[in-house]
Amino acid sequence: TSFDKDSNTGGISQDGYEGGDLKGLSVDETGTVIGSFTNGRSFALAQVAMATFSNNQGLESDGGNCFIQTSNSGDPIVGQASTGGKGSIQSSSLEMSNVDLSRSLTQLIVI
C-alpha cells in the first residue's frame, strides 16, 4: 500500500563528467582517433587499421599510390600501426607528390 504524497528528491550526487560536445579530432602515430570535448576531456574514439602483405611485390598498381591485393601478394595482415612491421601514421602532415613532373609536362606539350 502506498500513500498519496508529492514526489521529491532526497540526495543528488554526480559520479561522472559533465556533458560536452565534440570540438576537435586528432590522430596519433598508432592510428588512434582522439576526440576533444568542450568539457575539457579527451577520449580515444576509434583506431585506424593498417595492413601488410607477405609479398608486397605481388600487389597490383591501381594508379597513383593505390594498390590491389592479388593472389601473388597474399592475404592482408591487418593490425595496429607501428606494430608487427607496419608503418606509423603522421598526423597533420602532407605527403610529398609522387608525380613524375618531367613526364607530366611532356604529356602537356604532346597533347
N, C-alpha and C. Protein backbone atom coordinates (compact mmCIF):
# COMPACT_ATOMS: atom_id res chain seq x y z
N THR A 1 0.85 -1.17 0.00
CA THR A 1 0.00 0.00 0.00
C THR A 1 0.89 1.23 0.00
N SER A 2 0.47 2.25 -0.70
CA SER A 2 1.23 3.50 -0.72
C SER A 2 0.31 4.65 -0.38
N PHE A 3 0.92 5.72 0.02
CA PHE A 3 0.15 6.90 0.38
C PHE A 3 0.35 7.98 -0.66
N ASP A 4 -0.67 8.75 -0.88
CA ASP A 4 -0.61 9.85 -1.83
C ASP A 4 0.27 10.94 -1.25
N LYS A 5 1.39 11.28 -1.97
CA LYS A 5 2.32 12.27 -1.47
C LYS A 5 3.04 12.89 -2.65
N ASP A 6 3.41 14.17 -2.55
CA ASP A 6 4.19 14.83 -3.61
C ASP A 6 5.56 14.18 -3.71
N SER A 7 6.05 14.03 -4.95
CA SER A 7 7.36 13.43 -5.18
C SER A 7 8.46 14.44 -4.85
N ASN A 8 9.54 13.98 -4.25
CA ASN A 8 10.71 14.84 -4.03
C ASN A 8 11.98 14.00 -4.11
N THR A 9 13.08 14.68 -4.30
CA THR A 9 14.37 14.01 -4.41
C THR A 9 15.15 14.27 -3.14
N GLY A 10 15.71 13.22 -2.58
CA GLY A 10 16.41 13.35 -1.31
C GLY A 10 17.86 13.77 -1.45
N GLY A 11 18.66 13.04 -2.15
CA GLY A 11 20.09 13.34 -2.26
C GLY A 11 20.56 13.20 -3.69
N ILE A 12 21.38 14.13 -4.16
CA ILE A 12 21.88 14.11 -5.53
C ILE A 12 23.40 14.11 -5.48
N SER A 13 24.01 13.19 -6.18
CA SER A 13 25.47 13.20 -6.31
C SER A 13 25.83 12.80 -7.74
N GLN A 14 26.88 13.41 -8.25
CA GLN A 14 27.32 13.14 -9.62
C GLN A 14 28.56 12.27 -9.56
N ASP A 15 28.60 11.20 -10.36
CA ASP A 15 29.77 10.32 -10.36
C ASP A 15 30.41 10.22 -11.74
N GLY A 16 30.18 11.21 -12.58
CA GLY A 16 30.77 11.19 -13.92
C GLY A 16 31.20 12.59 -14.32
N TYR A 17 31.45 12.77 -15.62
CA TYR A 17 31.85 14.07 -16.14
C TYR A 17 30.63 14.84 -16.57
N GLU A 18 30.74 16.16 -16.56
CA GLU A 18 29.65 16.96 -17.11
C GLU A 18 29.60 16.75 -18.61
N GLY A 19 28.46 17.02 -19.21
CA GLY A 19 28.29 16.81 -20.64
C GLY A 19 29.20 17.72 -21.46
N GLY A 20 29.55 17.29 -22.64
CA GLY A 20 30.39 18.08 -23.54
C GLY A 20 30.14 17.69 -24.97
N ASP A 21 30.38 18.63 -25.87
CA ASP A 21 30.23 18.39 -27.31
C ASP A 21 31.61 18.19 -27.93
N LEU A 22 31.65 17.40 -28.98
CA LEU A 22 32.90 17.16 -29.70
C LEU A 22 33.35 18.46 -30.35
N LYS A 23 34.60 18.90 -30.06
CA LYS A 23 35.09 20.14 -30.65
C LYS A 23 36.30 19.92 -31.56
N GLY A 24 36.93 18.76 -31.50
CA GLY A 24 38.09 18.53 -32.36
C GLY A 24 38.48 17.07 -32.40
N LEU A 25 39.20 16.70 -33.47
CA LEU A 25 39.71 15.34 -33.65
C LEU A 25 41.20 15.40 -33.92
N SER A 26 41.93 14.41 -33.46
CA SER A 26 43.34 14.28 -33.79
C SER A 26 43.65 12.78 -33.93
N VAL A 27 44.75 12.48 -34.59
CA VAL A 27 45.16 11.09 -34.80
C VAL A 27 46.60 10.97 -34.34
N ASP A 28 46.91 9.99 -33.49
CA ASP A 28 48.29 9.81 -33.05
C ASP A 28 49.02 8.82 -33.95
N GLU A 29 50.30 8.56 -33.66
CA GLU A 29 51.14 7.72 -34.54
C GLU A 29 50.72 6.26 -34.59
N THR A 30 49.90 5.82 -33.64
CA THR A 30 49.40 4.45 -33.68
C THR A 30 48.05 4.35 -34.38
N GLY A 31 47.53 5.49 -34.87
CA GLY A 31 46.26 5.49 -35.58
C GLY A 31 45.04 5.64 -34.69
N THR A 32 45.25 5.98 -33.44
CA THR A 32 44.13 6.20 -32.53
C THR A 32 43.51 7.57 -32.81
N VAL A 33 42.21 7.59 -33.08
CA VAL A 33 41.49 8.84 -33.31
C VAL A 33 41.01 9.34 -31.95
N ILE A 34 41.47 10.54 -31.58
CA ILE A 34 41.18 11.09 -30.26
C ILE A 34 40.23 12.27 -30.41
N GLY A 35 39.14 12.25 -29.67
CA GLY A 35 38.16 13.34 -29.69
C GLY A 35 38.37 14.26 -28.51
N SER A 36 38.39 15.56 -28.76
CA SER A 36 38.47 16.57 -27.70
C SER A 36 37.07 17.17 -27.52
N PHE A 37 36.65 17.30 -26.28
CA PHE A 37 35.30 17.75 -25.98
C PHE A 37 35.31 19.09 -25.26
N THR A 38 34.19 19.79 -25.33
CA THR A 38 34.08 21.13 -24.75
C THR A 38 34.15 21.13 -23.23
N ASN A 39 34.03 19.98 -22.59
CA ASN A 39 34.14 19.91 -21.13
C ASN A 39 35.59 19.70 -20.68
N GLY A 40 36.53 19.78 -21.64
CA GLY A 40 37.95 19.64 -21.30
C GLY A 40 38.47 18.22 -21.32
N ARG A 41 37.66 17.24 -21.60
CA ARG A 41 38.08 15.84 -21.62
C ARG A 41 38.46 15.42 -23.03
N SER A 42 39.32 14.43 -23.15
CA SER A 42 39.70 13.82 -24.43
C SER A 42 39.61 12.31 -24.28
N PHE A 43 39.06 11.66 -25.30
CA PHE A 43 38.89 10.21 -25.26
C PHE A 43 39.25 9.60 -26.61
N ALA A 44 39.80 8.39 -26.60
CA ALA A 44 40.04 7.63 -27.82
C ALA A 44 38.69 7.18 -28.37
N LEU A 45 38.43 7.48 -29.64
CA LEU A 45 37.13 7.17 -30.24
C LEU A 45 37.19 6.00 -31.21
N ALA A 46 38.32 5.83 -31.89
CA ALA A 46 38.43 4.79 -32.92
C ALA A 46 39.90 4.47 -33.16
N GLN A 47 40.14 3.44 -33.94
CA GLN A 47 41.50 3.01 -34.28
C GLN A 47 41.58 2.78 -35.78
N VAL A 48 42.53 3.42 -36.44
CA VAL A 48 42.75 3.22 -37.88
C VAL A 48 43.59 1.95 -38.04
N ALA A 49 43.11 1.04 -38.87
CA ALA A 49 43.84 -0.22 -39.09
C ALA A 49 44.80 -0.07 -40.27
N MET A 50 45.91 -0.77 -40.22
CA MET A 50 46.86 -0.82 -41.34
C MET A 50 47.09 -2.28 -41.70
N ALA A 51 47.52 -2.51 -42.93
CA ALA A 51 47.73 -3.88 -43.39
C ALA A 51 49.10 -4.02 -44.05
N THR A 52 49.69 -5.18 -43.89
CA THR A 52 50.90 -5.56 -44.61
C THR A 52 50.57 -6.81 -45.40
N PHE A 53 51.43 -7.14 -46.35
CA PHE A 53 51.26 -8.34 -47.17
C PHE A 53 52.54 -9.14 -47.13
N SER A 54 52.41 -10.44 -47.27
CA SER A 54 53.60 -11.30 -47.25
C SER A 54 54.49 -11.04 -48.46
N ASN A 55 53.92 -10.56 -49.58
CA ASN A 55 54.70 -10.26 -50.78
C ASN A 55 54.21 -8.92 -51.36
N ASN A 56 54.84 -7.83 -50.94
CA ASN A 56 54.45 -6.50 -51.42
C ASN A 56 54.63 -6.36 -52.93
N GLN A 57 55.59 -7.09 -53.51
CA GLN A 57 55.83 -7.01 -54.95
C GLN A 57 54.68 -7.63 -55.73
N GLY A 58 53.85 -8.43 -55.07
CA GLY A 58 52.72 -9.07 -55.74
C GLY A 58 51.48 -8.20 -55.81
N LEU A 59 51.51 -7.02 -55.19
CA LEU A 59 50.36 -6.11 -55.26
C LEU A 59 50.27 -5.52 -56.66
N GLU A 60 49.06 -5.27 -57.12
CA GLU A 60 48.84 -4.71 -58.46
C GLU A 60 48.55 -3.22 -58.33
N SER A 61 49.26 -2.40 -59.11
CA SER A 61 49.05 -0.95 -59.08
C SER A 61 47.68 -0.61 -59.64
N ASP A 62 47.00 0.29 -58.93
CA ASP A 62 45.67 0.74 -59.36
C ASP A 62 45.70 2.23 -59.69
N GLY A 63 46.88 2.75 -59.93
CA GLY A 63 47.04 4.17 -60.25
C GLY A 63 47.40 4.98 -59.02
N GLY A 64 48.23 5.99 -59.23
CA GLY A 64 48.66 6.82 -58.11
C GLY A 64 49.41 6.00 -57.09
N ASN A 65 49.03 6.10 -55.84
CA ASN A 65 49.67 5.28 -54.80
C ASN A 65 48.70 4.25 -54.23
N CYS A 66 47.75 3.80 -55.06
CA CYS A 66 46.77 2.78 -54.67
C CYS A 66 47.18 1.43 -55.26
N PHE A 67 47.01 0.38 -54.45
CA PHE A 67 47.35 -0.96 -54.88
C PHE A 67 46.22 -1.92 -54.55
N ILE A 68 46.14 -3.01 -55.33
CA ILE A 68 45.10 -4.02 -55.16
C ILE A 68 45.74 -5.35 -54.78
N GLN A 69 45.09 -6.05 -53.87
CA GLN A 69 45.54 -7.39 -53.48
C GLN A 69 45.41 -8.34 -54.65
N THR A 70 46.38 -9.22 -54.82
CA THR A 70 46.32 -10.27 -55.83
C THR A 70 46.65 -11.61 -55.16
N SER A 71 46.55 -12.68 -55.92
CA SER A 71 46.91 -13.98 -55.36
C SER A 71 48.40 -14.04 -55.06
N ASN A 72 49.22 -13.26 -55.80
CA ASN A 72 50.67 -13.24 -55.55
C ASN A 72 51.04 -12.46 -54.29
N SER A 73 50.22 -11.49 -53.91
CA SER A 73 50.55 -10.67 -52.73
C SER A 73 50.22 -11.39 -51.43
N GLY A 74 49.28 -12.31 -51.48
CA GLY A 74 48.82 -12.97 -50.26
C GLY A 74 47.73 -12.16 -49.60
N ASP A 75 47.21 -12.70 -48.52
CA ASP A 75 46.14 -12.02 -47.79
C ASP A 75 46.71 -10.89 -46.94
N PRO A 76 45.89 -9.84 -46.72
CA PRO A 76 46.36 -8.75 -45.87
C PRO A 76 46.48 -9.20 -44.41
N ILE A 77 47.50 -8.68 -43.74
CA ILE A 77 47.68 -8.91 -42.32
C ILE A 77 47.35 -7.58 -41.64
N VAL A 78 46.14 -7.49 -41.11
CA VAL A 78 45.62 -6.22 -40.58
C VAL A 78 45.94 -6.10 -39.10
N GLY A 79 46.32 -4.90 -38.70
CA GLY A 79 46.62 -4.65 -37.29
C GLY A 79 46.82 -3.17 -37.02
N GLN A 80 47.32 -2.88 -35.85
CA GLN A 80 47.55 -1.51 -35.39
C GLN A 80 48.84 -0.96 -36.01
N ALA A 81 48.82 0.32 -36.32
CA ALA A 81 50.01 0.98 -36.85
C ALA A 81 51.15 0.89 -35.84
N SER A 82 52.38 0.89 -36.35
CA SER A 82 53.61 0.85 -35.53
C SER A 82 53.82 -0.48 -34.81
N THR A 83 53.13 -1.54 -35.25
CA THR A 83 53.35 -2.86 -34.67
C THR A 83 53.52 -3.88 -35.79
N GLY A 84 54.28 -4.92 -35.54
CA GLY A 84 54.42 -6.02 -36.49
C GLY A 84 54.92 -5.61 -37.86
N GLY A 85 55.84 -4.64 -37.92
CA GLY A 85 56.40 -4.21 -39.20
C GLY A 85 55.52 -3.26 -39.99
N LYS A 86 54.42 -2.83 -39.41
CA LYS A 86 53.54 -1.87 -40.09
C LYS A 86 54.08 -0.47 -39.86
N GLY A 87 53.82 0.41 -40.78
CA GLY A 87 54.28 1.79 -40.68
C GLY A 87 53.55 2.56 -39.61
N SER A 88 54.03 3.77 -39.36
CA SER A 88 53.36 4.64 -38.40
C SER A 88 52.55 5.69 -39.16
N ILE A 89 51.70 6.37 -38.44
CA ILE A 89 50.85 7.39 -39.03
C ILE A 89 51.37 8.75 -38.58
N GLN A 90 51.52 9.67 -39.52
CA GLN A 90 51.95 11.03 -39.19
C GLN A 90 50.76 11.95 -39.36
N SER A 91 50.20 12.33 -38.25
CA SER A 91 49.02 13.19 -38.25
C SER A 91 49.38 14.61 -38.67
N SER A 92 48.48 15.25 -39.37
CA SER A 92 48.61 16.66 -39.79
C SER A 92 49.85 16.91 -40.62
N SER A 93 50.24 15.94 -41.42
CA SER A 93 51.39 16.13 -42.31
C SER A 93 50.93 15.92 -43.75
N LEU A 94 51.65 16.51 -44.66
CA LEU A 94 51.30 16.44 -46.07
C LEU A 94 52.34 15.59 -46.79
N GLU A 95 51.87 14.58 -47.51
CA GLU A 95 52.76 13.71 -48.25
C GLU A 95 53.27 14.44 -49.48
N MET A 96 54.54 14.25 -49.77
CA MET A 96 55.10 14.87 -50.97
C MET A 96 54.50 14.21 -52.21
N SER A 97 54.47 14.95 -53.28
CA SER A 97 53.90 14.46 -54.52
C SER A 97 54.74 13.32 -55.08
N ASN A 98 54.07 12.33 -55.66
CA ASN A 98 54.78 11.23 -56.31
C ASN A 98 54.59 11.29 -57.82
N VAL A 99 54.35 12.51 -58.33
CA VAL A 99 54.15 12.71 -59.76
C VAL A 99 55.50 12.90 -60.43
N ASP A 100 55.68 12.26 -61.58
CA ASP A 100 56.88 12.47 -62.39
C ASP A 100 56.66 13.76 -63.18
N LEU A 101 57.24 14.85 -62.68
CA LEU A 101 56.98 16.17 -63.22
C LEU A 101 57.39 16.28 -64.69
N SER A 102 58.57 15.76 -65.05
CA SER A 102 59.02 15.88 -66.44
C SER A 102 58.08 15.13 -67.39
N ARG A 103 57.60 13.95 -66.97
CA ARG A 103 56.67 13.20 -67.81
C ARG A 103 55.35 13.95 -67.97
N SER A 104 54.84 14.53 -66.88
CA SER A 104 53.58 15.26 -66.94
C SER A 104 53.69 16.48 -67.85
N LEU A 105 54.81 17.20 -67.78
CA LEU A 105 55.00 18.37 -68.64
C LEU A 105 55.10 17.94 -70.11
N THR A 106 55.79 16.84 -70.36
CA THR A 106 55.91 16.34 -71.72
C THR A 106 54.54 15.95 -72.27
N GLN A 107 53.71 15.32 -71.47
CA GLN A 107 52.38 14.96 -71.91
C GLN A 107 51.54 16.20 -72.20
N LEU A 108 51.73 17.27 -71.46
CA LEU A 108 51.00 18.51 -71.73
C LEU A 108 51.39 19.08 -73.10
N ILE A 109 52.67 19.01 -73.43
CA ILE A 109 53.15 19.56 -74.71
C ILE A 109 52.65 18.70 -75.87
N VAL A 110 52.70 17.38 -75.72
CA VAL A 110 52.29 16.45 -76.77
C VAL A 110 50.78 16.55 -77.02
N ILE A 111 50.01 16.68 -75.98
CA ILE A 111 48.55 16.71 -76.12
C ILE A 111 48.16 18.06 -76.57
